[in-house]
Protein backbone atom coordinates (compact mmCIF):
# COMPACT_ATOMS: atom_id res chain seq x y z
CA MET A 1 -0.37 60.78 -118.82
CA PRO A 2 2.87 62.49 -120.35
CA ALA A 3 6.22 60.60 -119.54
CA ILE A 4 8.43 61.94 -116.70
CA ASP A 5 12.22 61.69 -116.46
CA LEU A 6 13.48 58.90 -114.30
CA ALA A 7 15.69 60.66 -112.54
CA LEU A 8 13.19 63.08 -111.33
CA ARG A 9 10.94 60.34 -110.83
CA GLU A 10 13.44 58.70 -108.66
CA ALA A 11 14.05 62.44 -106.96
CA LEU A 12 9.96 62.78 -105.99
CA VAL A 13 9.74 59.53 -104.41
CA ALA A 14 13.29 60.12 -102.71
CA ARG A 15 11.78 63.47 -101.15
CA LEU A 16 8.17 61.87 -100.90
CA ARG A 17 9.77 59.30 -98.88
CA PHE A 18 11.67 61.33 -96.28
CA TYR A 19 8.20 63.54 -95.80
CA ARG A 20 6.35 60.19 -94.68
CA ASP A 21 9.19 59.48 -92.38
CA LEU A 22 8.40 62.57 -90.82
CA GLY A 23 4.87 62.08 -90.30
CA VAL A 24 3.84 64.59 -93.07
CA THR A 25 1.72 62.42 -95.75
CA GLU A 26 -0.75 64.84 -97.21
CA PHE A 27 -0.09 67.63 -99.62
CA TYR A 28 -2.09 70.85 -100.59
CA ARG A 29 -1.79 73.17 -103.15
CA ARG A 30 -2.08 76.65 -103.10
CA PRO A 31 -4.87 78.07 -105.82
CA VAL A 32 -2.26 79.09 -108.83
CA ASP A 33 -2.27 83.22 -109.74
CA PRO A 34 -4.03 83.29 -113.26
CA GLU A 35 -1.25 86.58 -114.03
CA LEU A 36 1.69 84.41 -112.96
CA MET A 37 0.75 81.81 -115.42
CA ALA A 38 0.40 84.06 -118.05
CA LEU A 39 3.49 85.66 -117.79
CA LEU A 40 5.24 82.02 -117.53
CA GLY A 41 3.54 81.40 -120.76
CA PRO A 42 1.55 78.57 -122.66
CA GLY A 43 2.40 75.24 -121.54
CA ALA A 44 3.76 76.03 -118.00
CA SER A 45 1.32 74.62 -116.07
CA THR A 46 2.46 71.26 -117.74
CA GLN A 47 6.48 70.98 -118.41
CA VAL A 48 9.41 72.02 -116.03
CA SER A 49 12.44 73.16 -118.49
CA GLU A 50 15.65 71.86 -116.80
CA SER A 51 18.19 74.95 -115.93
CA ARG A 52 21.11 74.68 -118.33
CA PRO A 53 20.03 75.99 -122.14
CA GLY A 54 18.71 74.36 -124.60
CA ALA A 55 17.80 71.63 -122.44
CA PRO A 56 14.71 69.50 -123.75
CA PRO A 57 11.35 70.21 -121.43
CA ILE A 58 10.48 67.49 -118.90
CA ASP A 59 6.99 66.39 -118.81
CA VAL A 60 5.02 66.29 -115.42
CA PRO A 61 2.14 63.65 -115.13
CA GLU A 62 -1.17 65.02 -114.26
CA ILE A 63 -1.87 64.26 -110.11
CA ASP A 64 -4.52 64.84 -108.08
CA VAL A 65 -3.89 67.60 -105.18
CA VAL A 66 -6.23 68.93 -103.29
CA GLU A 67 -6.61 72.41 -103.57
CA GLU A 68 -6.11 74.15 -100.46
CA ASN A 69 -9.40 76.61 -100.12
CA GLU A 70 -11.45 73.31 -100.85
CA PRO A 71 -12.74 71.16 -98.05
CA ILE A 72 -10.09 69.20 -96.66
CA PRO A 73 -11.04 65.44 -97.78
CA PRO A 74 -12.25 63.10 -94.45
CA ARG A 75 -9.48 60.08 -93.45
CA LYS A 76 -10.40 56.94 -92.90
CA PRO A 77 -10.80 56.53 -89.11
CA ILE A 78 -8.61 54.21 -87.28
CA PRO A 79 -10.59 51.53 -85.70
CA VAL A 80 -11.01 51.24 -81.36
CA PRO A 81 -7.83 48.61 -80.46
CA PRO A 82 -9.15 45.25 -78.98
CA ALA A 83 -10.17 44.99 -75.03
CA VAL A 84 -6.48 44.67 -73.58
CA LEU A 85 -5.80 40.71 -72.58
CA THR A 86 -5.90 40.14 -68.97
CA GLU A 87 -2.02 39.79 -68.19
CA ILE A 88 -0.22 36.19 -68.22
CA LYS A 89 2.25 34.81 -66.16
CA PRO A 90 5.64 34.61 -67.60
CA VAL A 91 6.12 31.67 -67.71
CA ASP A 92 2.80 30.77 -70.12
CA LYS A 93 4.21 34.07 -72.17
CA ALA A 94 6.08 31.95 -75.30
CA ALA A 95 3.27 29.67 -75.59
CA ALA A 96 0.93 32.57 -75.82
CA LEU A 97 2.80 33.81 -78.45
CA ARG A 98 3.10 30.62 -80.46
CA LEU A 99 -0.86 30.31 -80.25
CA ILE A 100 -1.50 33.68 -82.10
CA ARG A 101 1.17 32.41 -84.94
CA GLU A 102 -0.51 29.63 -85.06
CA GLU A 103 -3.83 31.07 -85.50
CA ILE A 104 -2.58 33.76 -88.06
CA GLY A 105 -1.06 30.89 -89.77
CA ASP A 106 -1.10 31.18 -93.57
CA CYS A 107 -2.44 34.58 -93.87
CA THR A 108 -4.47 35.30 -96.29
CA ARG A 109 -6.96 38.15 -94.64
CA CYS A 110 -5.28 41.00 -97.04
CA GLY A 111 -3.97 41.59 -99.87
CA LEU A 112 -0.51 41.30 -98.91
CA HIS A 113 -0.44 37.60 -98.86
CA LYS A 114 0.05 37.59 -102.56
CA GLY A 115 3.38 38.95 -102.98
CA ARG A 116 4.49 37.18 -99.57
CA ASN A 117 7.95 35.07 -99.29
CA LYS A 118 7.97 34.54 -95.58
CA LEU A 119 5.59 35.83 -92.94
CA VAL A 120 7.24 38.06 -90.24
CA PHE A 121 5.96 37.31 -87.01
CA ALA A 122 8.74 38.89 -84.43
CA ASP A 123 11.12 38.42 -82.50
CA GLY A 124 12.78 38.42 -79.54
CA SER A 125 12.33 37.73 -75.63
CA ALA A 126 8.75 37.18 -74.93
CA THR A 127 9.78 38.80 -71.13
CA ALA A 128 11.02 41.39 -72.82
CA ARG A 129 11.19 44.58 -70.67
CA LEU A 130 11.58 46.71 -74.17
CA MET A 131 9.51 46.37 -77.20
CA PHE A 132 10.34 47.94 -80.30
CA VAL A 133 7.51 48.36 -83.13
CA GLY A 134 8.41 49.26 -86.56
CA GLU A 135 6.17 49.50 -90.05
CA GLY A 136 6.73 46.42 -92.12
CA PRO A 137 9.11 43.63 -93.34
CA GLY A 138 11.49 45.04 -96.35
CA ALA A 139 12.87 42.62 -99.05
CA ASP A 140 15.66 41.15 -96.46
CA GLU A 141 12.79 40.54 -93.56
CA ASP A 142 10.33 39.19 -95.80
CA ALA A 143 13.67 36.67 -97.44
CA GLN A 144 14.39 35.24 -93.91
CA GLY A 145 10.84 35.64 -92.17
CA LEU A 146 12.46 38.00 -89.17
CA PRO A 147 12.38 41.24 -88.06
CA PHE A 148 15.04 43.99 -89.14
CA VAL A 149 17.53 42.14 -90.63
CA GLY A 150 18.40 44.15 -93.31
CA ARG A 151 20.39 47.84 -93.12
CA ALA A 152 17.86 49.21 -91.09
CA GLY A 153 17.79 45.71 -88.79
CA GLN A 154 21.68 46.15 -88.47
CA LEU A 155 21.00 50.00 -87.56
CA LEU A 156 18.36 49.25 -84.79
CA ASN A 157 21.12 46.51 -83.18
CA ASN A 158 23.27 48.97 -82.87
CA MET A 159 20.88 51.29 -81.02
CA ILE A 160 19.66 48.89 -78.95
CA THR A 161 23.47 47.88 -77.88
CA ALA A 162 23.64 51.56 -77.01
CA MET A 163 20.88 50.89 -74.97
CA GLY A 164 23.34 48.22 -72.92
CA LEU A 165 20.97 45.55 -73.88
CA ASN A 166 21.13 42.51 -76.30
CA ARG A 167 18.72 42.28 -79.21
CA GLU A 168 17.51 38.58 -77.95
CA GLU A 169 16.60 40.69 -74.55
CA VAL A 170 14.06 42.58 -76.56
CA TYR A 171 10.53 41.88 -78.41
CA ILE A 172 10.84 43.22 -82.13
CA ALA A 173 7.51 43.35 -83.83
CA ASN A 174 5.58 45.19 -86.92
CA VAL A 175 2.39 46.96 -87.54
CA VAL A 176 2.13 44.43 -90.86
CA LYS A 177 3.77 41.08 -91.31
CA CYS A 178 3.50 40.89 -94.70
CA ARG A 179 6.31 42.61 -96.66
CA PRO A 180 4.21 45.59 -98.63
CA PRO A 181 5.12 45.90 -102.74
CA ASN A 182 8.03 47.94 -103.05
CA ASN A 183 8.26 48.66 -99.58
CA ARG A 184 5.14 51.27 -99.56
CA THR A 185 3.53 52.13 -96.64
CA PRO A 186 0.44 50.16 -95.66
CA GLU A 187 -3.02 50.98 -96.24
CA PRO A 188 -5.14 51.11 -93.62
CA GLU A 189 -7.09 48.05 -94.38
CA GLU A 190 -3.62 45.93 -94.51
CA ALA A 191 -2.58 47.67 -91.30
CA ASN A 192 -6.15 47.33 -89.39
CA THR A 193 -6.49 43.99 -90.64
CA CYS A 194 -3.04 42.93 -88.94
CA SER A 195 -2.92 45.27 -86.37
CA PRO A 196 -5.56 43.37 -83.80
CA PHE A 197 -2.73 40.72 -83.70
CA LEU A 198 -0.13 43.20 -82.94
CA PHE A 199 -2.15 44.25 -79.68
CA ARG A 200 -2.36 40.86 -78.64
CA GLN A 201 1.39 40.21 -79.04
CA ILE A 202 2.41 43.32 -77.34
CA ASP A 203 -0.62 42.21 -73.93
CA VAL A 204 0.95 38.89 -74.32
CA VAL A 205 5.39 40.84 -73.52
CA LYS A 206 3.58 43.22 -71.32
CA PRO A 207 6.61 45.05 -72.11
CA GLU A 208 7.58 48.08 -69.27
CA VAL A 209 7.96 50.33 -72.92
CA ILE A 210 7.58 50.32 -75.99
CA VAL A 211 8.96 52.22 -78.81
CA ALA A 212 7.82 52.94 -81.80
CA LEU A 213 9.69 53.20 -85.11
CA GLY A 214 8.52 55.87 -87.77
CA ALA A 215 4.95 57.49 -88.38
CA THR A 216 2.96 54.33 -89.21
CA ALA A 217 3.57 52.63 -86.17
CA ALA A 218 2.93 55.61 -83.88
CA THR A 219 -0.29 56.26 -85.84
CA TYR A 220 -1.24 52.38 -85.78
CA LEU A 221 -0.53 52.26 -81.90
CA LEU A 222 -1.85 55.51 -80.82
CA GLY A 223 -4.65 55.78 -82.88
CA GLN A 224 -4.08 59.60 -84.33
CA ARG A 225 -2.23 60.67 -87.35
CA GLN A 226 0.26 63.49 -86.59
CA PRO A 227 3.92 64.36 -87.53
CA LEU A 228 6.23 63.13 -85.32
CA ALA A 229 7.79 66.08 -83.66
CA GLY A 230 4.04 66.15 -82.23
CA LEU A 231 4.91 62.92 -80.49
CA ARG A 232 8.53 62.72 -79.68
CA GLY A 233 10.57 64.15 -77.05
CA ARG A 234 7.39 62.59 -74.64
CA VAL A 235 6.01 59.62 -72.77
CA HIS A 236 2.58 58.01 -74.22
CA SER A 237 0.37 55.55 -72.20
CA PHE A 238 -0.87 52.65 -74.40
CA ARG A 239 -2.33 49.28 -73.01
CA GLY A 240 -1.39 49.45 -69.80
CA THR A 241 2.60 50.25 -70.56
CA LYS A 242 4.61 53.41 -71.99
CA LEU A 243 5.22 54.08 -75.61
CA ILE A 244 7.88 56.63 -76.70
CA VAL A 245 8.14 57.60 -80.29
CA THR A 246 11.52 58.28 -82.57
CA TYR A 247 12.41 57.62 -86.03
CA HIS A 248 12.40 54.64 -88.23
CA PRO A 249 15.79 53.20 -88.67
CA ALA A 250 15.36 53.19 -91.96
CA PHE A 251 14.91 57.02 -91.93
CA LEU A 252 18.40 57.65 -90.29
CA LEU A 253 19.78 55.56 -92.74
CA ARG A 254 18.53 58.24 -95.32
CA ASP A 255 19.31 61.34 -92.72
CA PRO A 256 22.51 60.29 -90.55
CA ARG A 257 21.93 64.09 -89.10
CA GLN A 258 19.11 62.77 -86.94
CA LYS A 259 20.40 59.93 -85.01
CA LYS A 260 21.23 62.68 -82.18
CA GLU A 261 17.10 63.16 -81.37
CA ALA A 262 16.46 59.59 -82.10
CA TRP A 263 19.45 59.08 -79.74
CA ALA A 264 17.37 61.49 -77.29
CA ASP A 265 14.53 59.50 -77.13
CA LEU A 266 16.28 56.37 -76.91
CA GLN A 267 17.79 57.59 -73.73
CA ILE A 268 14.04 58.69 -72.32
CA ALA A 269 13.27 54.71 -73.06
CA MET A 270 16.09 53.89 -71.19
CA ARG A 271 15.43 56.39 -68.09
CA GLU A 272 11.66 54.60 -67.82
CA LEU A 273 13.60 51.29 -67.69
CA GLY A 274 15.99 52.14 -64.72
CA LEU A 275 19.27 51.68 -67.27
CA ARG A 276 22.19 54.01 -66.76
CA VAL A 277 22.14 56.65 -69.28
CA PRO A 278 25.64 57.83 -70.39
CA GLY A 279 26.53 61.34 -69.07
CA ARG A 280 28.07 64.06 -71.60
CA GLY A 281 31.48 64.84 -71.64
């Protein structure tokens, strides 16, 4: 495979992460116009030249892209979530969560355990009215064993404070409890192996409102793959509670312009919880 310029590679990775956070995970290419390729000349399909005169061509690696006129390959089905647990008394919730953590143990159920430093179970109140669900641990979380403690966690803390709450009052968890290599998106097998424990945590805490942070959390909670634009701005029903979808804090760090949109989503959660929403002006 031809080498790709490092700067171009990093730019492509950043752009794909941007689209992933928006919920766009598949790309399809239209058939190439033979006449256009003839005008571009030989080698045009495998090399991209920089704009400055005399610059050497940049080799672009061959990748698997689905042609638009080919059938879209079937996606892996998302398993049916387990049955909702019987509601647990508030006094017993902390103990019930400890039992789930003990059952997980030193987990080796999927390949993510191979690069794990610390398993990240959850953080917060077992009787929380509000719960946040993210994608998976990052480097800081893997080091400390707690969710959302890095830069994205600091932003999440600010978001919680803006809602008039403290971090200790909410419950925070992720779809997967071990850090994926290089912070990649969890594979379906990994997420489907780990998410049943998340569902049980949700059933124990029984929050009034869940906020899904990002496309991955929304996908595995709601059981449907759809861009965030189609999921945001409304209240979903999920396991006997209300679920609201917004952007992941890591995405907001990369594109601060979307913070206004995320704040609008959080205001929906605030209204559902009966919290005072600041007026305009």
